[in-house]
C-alpha atoms as a PDB file:
ATOM      1  CA  MET A   1     -38.178  55.089  58.839  1.00  0.00           C
ATOM      2  CA  GLN A   2     -34.548  54.323  58.133  1.00  0.00           C
ATOM      3  CA  SER A   3     -31.350  53.076  59.641  1.00  0.00           C
ATOM      4  CA  LEU A   4     -27.882  54.560  59.470  1.00  0.00           C
ATOM      5  CA  LEU A   5     -24.695  52.510  59.553  1.00  0.00           C
ATOM      6  CA  VAL A   6     -21.156  53.811  59.263  1.00  0.00           C
ATOM      7  CA  HIS A   7     -18.468  51.728  57.562  1.00  0.00           C
ATOM      8  CA  SER A   8     -14.965  53.170  57.308  1.00  0.00           C
ATOM      9  CA  GLN A   9     -16.019  56.758  56.626  1.00  0.00           C
ATOM     10  CA  ALA A  10     -18.942  55.688  54.421  1.00  0.00           C
ATOM     11  CA  ALA A  11     -22.420  56.155  55.825  1.00  0.00           C
ATOM     12  CA  ILE A  12     -25.002  53.631  54.688  1.00  0.00           C
ATOM     13  CA  ILE A  13     -28.586  54.837  54.871  1.00  0.00           C
ATOM     14  CA  ARG A  14     -31.432  52.341  54.513  1.00  0.00           C
ATOM     15  CA  PRO A  15     -34.750  54.115  53.977  1.00  0.00           C
ATOM     16  CA  CYS A  16     -37.829  51.915  53.862  1.00  0.00           C
ATOM     17  CA  GLY A  17     -41.318  52.021  52.428  1.00  0.00           C
ATOM     18  CA  SER A  18     -42.157  54.659  49.879  1.00  0.00           C
ATOM     19  CA  LEU A  19     -40.121  57.735  49.050  1.00  0.00           C
ATOM     20  CA  ASN A  20     -42.802  60.218  48.132  1.00  0.00           C
ATOM     21  CA  ALA A  21     -44.177  63.696  48.728  1.00  0.00           C
ATOM     22  CA  ALA A  22     -45.281  62.711  52.236  1.00  0.00           C
ATOM     23  CA  ASN A  23     -41.721  62.096  53.451  1.00  0.00           C
ATOM     24  CA  ALA A  24     -39.410  63.648  50.845  1.00  0.00           C
ATOM     25  CA  ALA A  25     -38.642  66.753  52.919  1.00  0.00           C
ATOM     26  CA  GLU A  26     -37.638  64.612  55.896  1.00  0.00           C
ATOM     27  CA  LEU A  27     -35.472  62.397  53.690  1.00  0.00           C
ATOM     28  CA  ARG A  28     -33.851  65.442  52.071  1.00  0.00           C
ATOM     29  CA  GLN A  29     -32.962  66.835  55.508  1.00  0.00           C
ATOM     30  CA  GLN A  30     -31.532  63.525  56.729  1.00  0.00           C
ATOM     31  CA  LEU A  31     -29.456  63.093  53.579  1.00  0.00           C
ATOM     32  CA  GLN A  32     -28.204  66.678  53.805  1.00  0.00           C
ATOM     33  CA  THR A  33     -27.109  66.106  57.403  1.00  0.00           C
ATOM     34  CA  ALA A  34     -25.301  62.898  56.437  1.00  0.00           C
ATOM     35  CA  VAL A  35     -23.563  64.508  53.446  1.00  0.00           C
ATOM     36  CA  LEU A  36     -22.398  67.492  55.482  1.00  0.00           C
ATOM     37  CA  SER A  37     -21.130  65.338  58.347  1.00  0.00           C
ATOM     38  CA  GLU A  38     -17.373  65.503  58.805  1.00  0.00           C
ATOM     39  CA  LYS A  39     -17.413  61.784  59.647  1.00  0.00           C
ATOM     40  CA  ASN A  40     -18.405  60.676  56.143  1.00  0.00           C
ATOM     41  CA  ASN A  41     -16.518  60.950  52.893  1.00  0.00           C
ATOM     42  CA  ALA A  42     -19.050  58.740  51.112  1.00  0.00           C
ATOM     43  CA  LEU A  43     -22.740  58.007  51.355  1.00  0.00           C
ATOM     44  CA  LEU A  44     -24.462  54.839  50.179  1.00  0.00           C
ATOM     45  CA  ILE A  45     -28.244  54.696  49.998  1.00  0.00           C
ATOM     46  CA  ASP A  46     -29.356  51.066  50.323  1.00  0.00           C
ATOM     47  CA  MET A  47     -32.646  51.006  48.406  1.00  0.00           C
ATOM     48  CA  SER A  48     -33.478  47.361  49.195  1.00  0.00           C
ATOM     49  CA  GLN A  49     -36.436  48.325  51.418  1.00  0.00           C
ATOM     50  CA  ILE A  50     -37.906  50.937  49.054  1.00  0.00           C
ATOM     51  CA  GLU A  51     -41.265  49.906  47.614  1.00  0.00           C
ATOM     52  CA  SER A  52     -41.947  52.947  45.452  1.00  0.00           C
ATOM     53  CA  LEU A  53     -40.446  56.262  44.430  1.00  0.00           C
ATOM     54  CA  ASP A  54     -42.218  59.354  43.134  1.00  0.00           C
ATOM     55  CA  SER A  55     -40.866  62.611  41.738  1.00  0.00           C
ATOM     56  CA  ALA A  56     -40.560  64.209  45.189  1.00  0.00           C
ATOM     57  CA  GLY A  57     -38.526  61.263  46.494  1.00  0.00           C
ATOM     58  CA  LEU A  58     -36.400  61.344  43.367  1.00  0.00           C
ATOM     59  CA  MET A  59     -35.740  65.067  43.824  1.00  0.00           C
ATOM     60  CA  ALA A  60     -34.617  64.455  47.427  1.00  0.00           C
ATOM     61  CA  LEU A  61     -32.013  62.008  46.092  1.00  0.00           C
ATOM     62  CA  VAL A  62     -30.943  64.377  43.294  1.00  0.00           C
ATOM     63  CA  SER A  63     -30.616  67.240  45.792  1.00  0.00           C
ATOM     64  CA  ALA A  64     -28.401  65.103  48.038  1.00  0.00           C
ATOM     65  CA  LEU A  65     -26.306  64.009  45.042  1.00  0.00           C
ATOM     66  CA  ASN A  66     -25.748  67.643  44.049  1.00  0.00           C
ATOM     67  CA  LEU A  67     -24.740  68.566  47.600  1.00  0.00           C
ATOM     68  CA  ALA A  68     -22.377  65.594  47.762  1.00  0.00           C
ATOM     69  CA  GLN A  69     -20.756  66.619  44.485  1.00  0.00           C
ATOM     70  CA  GLU A  70     -20.327  70.183  45.755  1.00  0.00           C
ATOM     71  CA  SER A  71     -18.786  68.766  48.935  1.00  0.00           C
ATOM     72  CA  ARG A  72     -16.555  66.429  46.921  1.00  0.00           C
ATOM     73  CA  LYS A  73     -18.071  63.346  48.508  1.00  0.00           C
ATOM     74  CA  ARG A  74     -19.123  60.086  46.944  1.00  0.00           C
ATOM     75  CA  PHE A  75     -22.887  59.462  46.745  1.00  0.00           C
ATOM     76  CA  SER A  76     -24.117  56.071  45.564  1.00  0.00           C
ATOM     77  CA  LEU A  77     -27.186  53.863  45.516  1.00  0.00           C
ATOM     78  CA  CYS A  78     -27.455  50.087  45.820  1.00  0.00           C
ATOM     79  CA  ALA A  79     -30.013  47.284  45.794  1.00  0.00           C
ATOM     80  CA  VAL A  80     -32.477  49.180  43.607  1.00  0.00           C
ATOM     81  CA  SER A  81     -35.562  47.058  42.853  1.00  0.00           C
ATOM     82  CA  VAL A  82     -36.743  46.625  39.269  1.00  0.00           C
ATOM     83  CA  PRO A  83     -39.800  48.924  39.611  1.00  0.00           C
ATOM     84  CA  VAL A  84     -37.720  51.667  41.208  1.00  0.00           C
ATOM     85  CA  ARG A  85     -34.897  51.178  38.711  1.00  0.00           C
ATOM     86  CA  ILE A  86     -37.385  51.792  35.897  1.00  0.00           C
ATOM     87  CA  VAL A  87     -37.996  55.270  37.353  1.00  0.00           C
ATOM     88  CA  PHE A  88     -34.255  55.961  37.188  1.00  0.00           C
ATOM     89  CA  GLU A  89     -34.071  54.645  33.623  1.00  0.00           C
ATOM     90  CA  LEU A  90     -37.092  56.611  32.391  1.00  0.00           C
ATOM     91  CA  THR A  91     -35.618  59.823  33.805  1.00  0.00           C
ATOM     92  CA  GLN A  92     -32.132  58.794  32.603  1.00  0.00           C
ATOM     93  CA  LEU A  93     -30.857  59.322  36.131  1.00  0.00           C
ATOM     94  CA  ASP A  94     -29.387  55.823  36.032  1.00  0.00           C
ATOM     95  CA  ARG A  95     -26.617  57.552  34.035  1.00  0.00           C
ATOM     96  CA  VAL A  96     -26.109  60.168  36.751  1.00  0.00           C
ATOM     97  CA  PHE A  97     -26.167  58.054  39.911  1.00  0.00           C
ATOM     98  CA  GLU A  98     -23.544  55.474  40.734  1.00  0.00           C
ATOM     99  CA  ILE A  99     -25.702  52.358  41.268  1.00  0.00           C
ATOM    100  CA  PHE A 100     -24.397  49.083  42.727  1.00  0.00           C
ATOM    101  CA  GLU A 101     -25.942  45.629  42.963  1.00  0.00           C
ATOM    102  CA  ASN A 102     -25.509  45.527  46.764  1.00  0.00           C
ATOM    103  CA  VAL A 103     -23.474  46.889  49.686  1.00  0.00           C
ATOM    104  CA  ALA A 104     -20.662  44.383  49.065  1.00  0.00           C
ATOM    105  CA  ALA A 105     -20.250  45.592  45.468  1.00  0.00           C
ATOM    106  CA  PHE A 106     -19.972  49.179  46.731  1.00  0.00           C
ATOM    107  CA  GLU A 107     -17.444  48.226  49.408  1.00  0.00           C
ATOM    108  CA  ALA A 108     -15.349  46.363  46.817  1.00  0.00           C
ATOM    109  CA  THR A 109     -14.785  49.679  45.005  1.00  0.00           C
ATOM    110  CA  ALA A 110     -13.877  51.698  48.098  1.00  0.00           C
END
């Protein structure tokens, strides 16, 4: 369902397909594990392979963001497609999440 890469203490997670009620609990658990890992001080979710996002998928991301903030870790998104970005804009979560054009743009700020 996803791949995990680690770049200089930043974990990059690449989920694929749809983030919805069918897999939101699994995603939430995987993100929680990555956030709480001692190996990572930052987490980047590469959304390039995400086709759709519903409220359950969005809540999994918000939950992970909150946990990252409590843990004083960076939590960012990148490569968000236009249809998925519209969901973030409609919910005004584009103002809450740090969103980058791509992985390289994220790494340039590290």
